[in-house]
Amino acid sequence: MIWILSVLVFWAVAWWVNIRLTAQKPSRFIGFAVPALFGITLLLLWEGLVRGLGISPVLLPPPSAIGVTFVQSLPILWADFFQTFVKGALSGYIIGCSAAVLVAIAVDRSPFLQRGLLPVGNFVAALPIIGLAPIMVMWFGFDWHSKAAVVVAMVFFPVLVNTVQGLQASDTMQRDLMRTYAASYPQALMKLRLPAAMPFIFNGLKIATTLALIGAIVAEFFGSPIKGMGFRISTEVGRLALDMVWAEITVAAIAGSAFYGLVALLEKGVTFWHPSQRG
């Protein structure tokens, strides 16, 4: 009971502090402090409720137990991270997104592909990963290659559709001006259409960051070597070691957030001229 009362008091104080902070002039410090304080409050509320209500750690371990497991299992977590994220998700992301941009350029040049490939792409993008992953594991084996293949299939069409839309973003007057200058298609592509498409391309790339990590983890549920984040989660759930499962989830959350932030930072540097990046 003391735990619950303490957390509720802290929650009320943190709520008041957040209200005062948000009323101040926006700054980088306030932009960081408000979500950080809110996140810390949620963790303390989680800790207090689990301990105060006597919830079994098999059902929901407290954050303190998850933190201890995280620190004690760093070598295992690092090996799982490297296997799943670096080998599976990142390699599939690079291959799938690069292929999507190249195919989008070909689609932009061919009305036949626009009418034929894009509807098929929308159909494939709607396929559930739990149906696709076992097939890829059978085709490419149990190592990271099959996970990369699943990631390629998941990220390819979102990036393709966004890139095709982006290549059509330049208006008719701009394209007519390039033709007036006798610019060839490669010149118009590099100097006008690709730069205009960058906000659309990065929108697809940011969506693909989340899909890549999800695809790699879920694919490991259907077969993997004795390491990997998906393998560890499925194994530890069977052993009722929920603290280790939450530690793997924490690694996935950190990796996914950092990956998304890196792509967003790259977008800000490339599309600094776009209205969405101003201010």
Protein backbone atom coordinates (compact mmCIF):
# COMPACT_ATOMS: atom_id res chain seq x y z
CA MET A 1 0.00 0.00 0.00
CA ILE A 2 2.86 2.38 0.80
CA TRP A 3 4.32 1.73 -2.68
CA ILE A 4 1.05 2.65 -4.36
CA LEU A 5 0.57 5.82 -2.31
CA SER A 6 4.16 6.91 -2.94
CA VAL A 7 3.81 6.43 -6.67
CA LEU A 8 0.48 8.28 -6.78
CA VAL A 9 2.03 11.22 -4.95
CA PHE A 10 4.97 11.22 -7.36
CA TRP A 11 2.54 11.01 -10.28
CA ALA A 12 0.66 14.07 -9.05
CA VAL A 13 3.88 16.04 -8.53
CA ALA A 14 5.24 15.02 -11.95
CA TRP A 15 1.92 15.96 -13.59
CA TRP A 16 2.12 19.42 -12.00
CA VAL A 17 5.76 19.85 -13.09
CA ASN A 18 4.91 18.80 -16.66
CA ILE A 19 2.06 21.32 -16.79
CA ARG A 20 4.41 24.07 -15.64
CA LEU A 21 7.08 23.04 -18.15
CA THR A 22 4.70 22.94 -21.11
CA ALA A 23 3.51 26.44 -20.19
CA GLN A 24 7.05 27.78 -20.63
CA LYS A 25 8.58 28.99 -23.87
CA PRO A 26 9.48 25.95 -26.04
CA SER A 27 13.14 24.97 -25.88
CA ARG A 28 15.33 21.93 -26.45
CA PHE A 29 15.52 21.27 -22.70
CA ILE A 30 11.73 21.35 -22.26
CA GLY A 31 11.28 19.18 -25.34
CA PHE A 32 13.49 16.55 -23.68
CA ALA A 33 12.40 17.00 -20.06
CA VAL A 34 8.64 16.58 -20.55
CA PRO A 35 8.69 13.10 -22.20
CA ALA A 36 11.59 11.98 -19.95
CA LEU A 37 9.67 12.90 -16.80
CA PHE A 38 6.53 11.25 -18.15
CA GLY A 39 8.45 8.05 -18.95
CA ILE A 40 10.09 7.92 -15.51
CA THR A 41 6.67 8.38 -13.92
CA LEU A 42 5.24 5.46 -15.89
CA LEU A 43 8.13 3.23 -14.80
CA LEU A 44 7.66 4.17 -11.14
CA LEU A 45 3.92 3.61 -11.44
CA TRP A 46 4.61 0.19 -12.95
CA GLU A 47 7.06 -0.64 -10.13
CA GLY A 48 4.68 0.54 -7.43
CA LEU A 49 1.64 -1.31 -8.77
CA VAL A 50 3.54 -4.59 -9.23
CA ARG A 51 5.03 -4.48 -5.74
CA GLY A 52 2.01 -2.96 -4.01
CA LEU A 53 -0.50 -5.40 -5.49
CA GLY A 54 1.86 -8.38 -5.18
CA ILE A 55 1.69 -9.28 -8.87
CA SER A 56 3.71 -12.40 -9.68
CA PRO A 57 6.90 -11.69 -11.71
CA VAL A 58 5.83 -14.54 -13.98
CA LEU A 59 2.94 -12.36 -15.11
CA LEU A 60 4.60 -8.93 -14.97
CA PRO A 61 8.10 -8.37 -13.58
CA PRO A 62 8.89 -4.95 -12.10
CA PRO A 63 11.21 -2.61 -14.02
CA SER A 64 13.92 -3.05 -11.36
CA ALA A 65 14.05 -6.82 -12.02
CA ILE A 66 14.14 -6.19 -15.76
CA GLY A 67 17.01 -3.74 -15.27
CA VAL A 68 19.01 -6.27 -13.23
CA THR A 69 18.47 -8.95 -15.89
CA PHE A 70 19.43 -6.46 -18.60
CA VAL A 71 22.76 -5.64 -16.94
CA GLN A 72 23.55 -9.27 -16.11
CA SER A 73 22.72 -10.50 -19.63
CA LEU A 74 24.55 -7.87 -21.70
CA PRO A 75 26.71 -10.41 -23.65
CA ILE A 76 23.62 -12.45 -24.58
CA LEU A 77 21.62 -9.34 -25.48
CA TRP A 78 24.45 -8.03 -27.63
CA ALA A 79 24.76 -11.32 -29.53
CA ASP A 80 21.00 -11.39 -30.08
CA PHE A 81 21.00 -7.76 -31.21
CA PHE A 82 23.81 -8.34 -33.70
CA GLN A 83 22.15 -11.46 -35.11
CA THR A 84 18.68 -9.95 -35.48
CA PHE A 85 19.21 -6.25 -36.08
CA VAL A 86 22.57 -5.99 -37.85
CA LYS A 87 22.51 -9.21 -39.86
CA GLY A 88 18.79 -9.63 -40.45
CA ALA A 89 16.97 -6.30 -40.20
CA LEU A 90 19.67 -3.88 -41.37
CA SER A 91 20.90 -5.96 -44.32
CA GLY A 92 17.33 -6.61 -45.49
CA TYR A 93 16.49 -2.93 -45.03
CA ILE A 94 19.40 -1.77 -47.18
CA ILE A 95 18.73 -4.33 -49.92
CA GLY A 96 14.96 -3.82 -49.95
CA CYS A 97 15.01 -0.02 -49.90
CA SER A 98 17.75 0.25 -52.53
CA ALA A 99 15.91 -2.14 -54.83
CA ALA A 100 12.63 -0.27 -54.26
CA VAL A 101 14.12 3.08 -55.33
CA LEU A 102 15.66 1.57 -58.47
CA VAL A 103 12.44 -0.22 -59.42
CA ALA A 104 10.46 2.98 -58.74
CA ILE A 105 12.58 4.80 -61.32
CA ALA A 106 11.83 2.03 -63.84
CA VAL A 107 8.12 2.19 -62.96
CA ASP A 108 8.14 5.95 -63.45
CA ARG A 109 9.46 5.43 -66.98
CA SER A 110 6.97 2.70 -67.87
CA PRO A 111 3.17 3.21 -67.82
CA PHE A 112 2.82 -0.57 -68.21
CA LEU A 113 4.63 -1.16 -64.91
CA GLN A 114 2.57 1.56 -63.24
CA ARG A 115 -0.64 -0.24 -64.15
CA GLY A 116 0.70 -3.76 -63.60
CA LEU A 117 3.29 -3.75 -60.78
CA LEU A 118 1.77 -1.29 -58.30
CA PRO A 119 -1.53 -3.19 -57.82
CA VAL A 120 0.46 -6.39 -57.31
CA GLY A 121 2.67 -4.51 -54.86
CA ASN A 122 -0.33 -3.41 -52.82
CA PHE A 123 -1.51 -7.03 -52.71
CA VAL A 124 1.87 -8.36 -51.56
CA ALA A 125 2.22 -5.60 -48.96
CA ALA A 126 -1.07 -6.75 -47.42
CA LEU A 127 0.16 -10.35 -46.94
CA PRO A 128 0.51 -11.24 -43.23
CA ILE A 129 4.08 -11.76 -42.08
CA ILE A 130 3.15 -14.93 -40.21
CA GLY A 131 2.27 -16.49 -43.56
CA LEU A 132 5.32 -15.16 -45.37
CA ALA A 133 8.02 -15.90 -42.77
CA PRO A 134 7.76 -19.75 -42.73
CA ILE A 135 8.06 -19.82 -46.53
CA MET A 136 11.18 -17.65 -46.47
CA VAL A 137 12.72 -19.83 -43.76
CA MET A 138 12.14 -22.91 -45.92
CA TRP A 139 13.65 -21.20 -48.97
CA PHE A 140 16.68 -19.49 -47.41
CA GLY A 141 17.46 -21.60 -44.34
CA PHE A 142 17.43 -20.96 -40.61
CA ASP A 143 20.23 -18.39 -40.44
CA TRP A 144 19.93 -14.61 -40.87
CA HIS A 145 19.50 -14.86 -44.67
CA SER A 146 15.84 -15.89 -44.35
CA LYS A 147 15.19 -13.01 -41.92
CA ALA A 148 16.77 -10.56 -44.33
CA ALA A 149 14.55 -11.95 -47.10
CA VAL A 150 11.44 -11.38 -44.97
CA VAL A 151 12.59 -7.81 -44.28
CA VAL A 152 13.16 -7.19 -48.01
CA ALA A 153 9.63 -8.34 -48.77
CA MET A 154 8.19 -6.13 -46.03
CA VAL A 155 10.04 -2.87 -46.79
CA PHE A 156 10.17 -3.10 -50.59
CA PHE A 157 6.63 -2.07 -51.50
CA PRO A 158 6.08 0.76 -48.97
CA VAL A 159 9.29 2.42 -50.19
CA LEU A 160 8.37 1.67 -53.83
CA VAL A 161 4.92 3.29 -53.56
CA ASN A 162 6.25 6.36 -51.77
CA THR A 163 9.09 6.79 -54.26
CA VAL A 164 6.78 6.52 -57.27
CA GLN A 165 4.50 9.15 -55.76
CA GLY A 166 7.49 11.34 -55.04
CA LEU A 167 8.82 11.13 -58.58
CA GLN A 168 5.48 12.51 -59.75
CA ALA A 169 5.56 15.36 -57.22
CA SER A 170 7.26 17.89 -59.47
CA ASP A 171 4.66 19.97 -61.30
CA THR A 172 4.19 20.24 -65.07
CA MET A 173 5.76 23.69 -65.32
CA GLN A 174 8.99 22.48 -63.73
CA ARG A 175 9.20 19.50 -66.08
CA ASP A 176 8.45 21.73 -69.08
CA LEU A 177 11.26 24.04 -67.99
CA MET A 178 13.71 21.10 -67.95
CA ARG A 179 12.60 20.15 -71.46
CA THR A 180 13.10 23.76 -72.54
CA TYR A 181 16.69 23.48 -71.35
CA ALA A 182 17.00 20.28 -73.46
CA ALA A 183 17.71 18.24 -70.33
CA SER A 184 17.87 14.48 -70.79
CA TYR A 185 15.85 12.14 -68.55
CA PRO A 186 18.88 11.34 -66.30
CA GLN A 187 19.56 15.06 -65.91
CA ALA A 188 15.94 15.84 -65.10
CA LEU A 189 15.88 12.89 -62.72
CA MET A 190 18.97 13.93 -60.78
CA LYS A 191 18.38 17.70 -60.73
CA LEU A 192 14.59 17.90 -60.38
CA ARG A 193 12.61 14.73 -59.81
CA LEU A 194 14.73 12.91 -57.22
CA PRO A 195 15.24 16.03 -55.08
CA ALA A 196 11.49 16.71 -55.23
CA ALA A 197 10.82 13.08 -54.30
CA MET A 198 13.10 13.05 -51.23
CA PRO A 199 10.36 13.88 -48.66
CA PHE A 200 8.27 11.01 -50.04
CA ILE A 201 11.25 8.64 -50.13
CA PHE A 202 12.19 9.41 -46.53
CA ASN A 203 8.59 8.91 -45.48
CA GLY A 204 8.83 5.37 -46.88
CA LEU A 205 12.25 4.85 -45.31
CA LYS A 206 10.95 5.83 -41.86
CA ILE A 207 8.00 3.47 -42.19
CA ALA A 208 10.40 0.73 -43.25
CA THR A 209 12.57 1.11 -40.13
CA THR A 210 9.75 -0.22 -37.97
CA LEU A 211 8.76 -2.92 -40.45
CA ALA A 212 12.34 -4.16 -40.75
CA LEU A 213 12.81 -4.86 -37.05
CA ILE A 214 9.35 -6.39 -36.65
CA GLY A 215 9.90 -8.63 -39.66
CA ALA A 216 13.29 -9.88 -38.48
CA ILE A 217 12.04 -10.67 -34.96
CA VAL A 218 8.85 -12.41 -36.07
CA ALA A 219 10.73 -14.43 -38.71
CA GLU A 220 12.94 -15.88 -35.97
CA PHE A 221 9.87 -17.41 -34.32
CA PHE A 222 9.70 -19.87 -37.24
CA GLY A 223 13.30 -21.05 -37.13
CA SER A 224 16.69 -19.61 -36.27
CA PRO A 225 20.06 -20.60 -34.81
CA ILE A 226 20.45 -20.52 -31.03
CA LYS A 227 20.64 -16.73 -30.89
CA GLY A 228 18.55 -13.80 -31.98
CA MET A 229 15.96 -11.58 -30.35
CA GLY A 230 12.96 -13.49 -31.68
CA PHE A 231 14.53 -16.83 -30.73
CA ARG A 232 15.29 -15.57 -27.22
CA ILE A 233 11.80 -14.18 -26.69
CA SER A 234 10.08 -17.40 -27.77
CA THR A 235 12.48 -19.54 -25.71
CA GLU A 236 12.28 -17.49 -22.53
CA VAL A 237 8.49 -17.29 -22.70
CA GLY A 238 8.47 -21.09 -22.65
CA ARG A 239 10.68 -21.02 -19.54
CA LEU A 240 8.46 -18.32 -17.92
CA ALA A 241 11.51 -16.02 -17.67
CA LEU A 242 9.53 -12.86 -18.37
CA ASP A 243 12.29 -10.58 -17.09
CA MET A 244 14.53 -11.73 -19.95
CA VAL A 245 11.69 -11.31 -22.42
CA TRP A 246 11.21 -7.72 -21.30
CA ALA A 247 14.96 -7.13 -21.50
CA GLU A 248 14.86 -8.22 -25.16
CA ILE A 249 11.85 -5.98 -25.74
CA THR A 250 13.83 -3.10 -24.24
CA VAL A 251 16.71 -3.76 -26.64
CA ALA A 252 14.28 -3.85 -29.56
CA ALA A 253 12.65 -0.59 -28.46
CA ILE A 254 16.00 1.17 -28.10
CA ALA A 255 17.29 -0.15 -31.43
CA GLY A 256 14.08 0.71 -33.27
CA SER A 257 13.91 4.22 -31.83
CA ALA A 258 17.57 4.90 -32.58
CA PHE A 259 17.19 3.58 -36.14
CA TYR A 260 14.14 5.74 -36.77
CA GLY A 261 15.88 8.76 -35.26
CA LEU A 262 18.94 8.24 -37.44
CA VAL A 263 16.81 8.15 -40.61
CA ALA A 264 14.86 11.22 -39.44
CA LEU A 265 18.14 13.06 -38.77
CA LEU A 266 19.37 12.13 -42.25
CA GLU A 267 16.08 13.37 -43.69
CA LYS A 268 16.51 16.70 -41.95
CA GLY A 269 19.94 17.12 -43.52
CA VAL A 270 18.85 16.12 -47.03
CA THR A 271 15.46 17.87 -47.16
CA PHE A 272 16.38 21.01 -45.22
CA TRP A 273 14.66 23.06 -47.93
CA HIS A 274 11.25 21.44 -47.45
CA PRO A 275 8.60 23.34 -45.43
CA SER A 276 8.22 20.39 -43.03
CA GLN A 277 11.85 20.85 -41.88
CA ARG A 278 11.69 24.58 -41.25
CA GLY A 279 11.50 26.00 -37.78
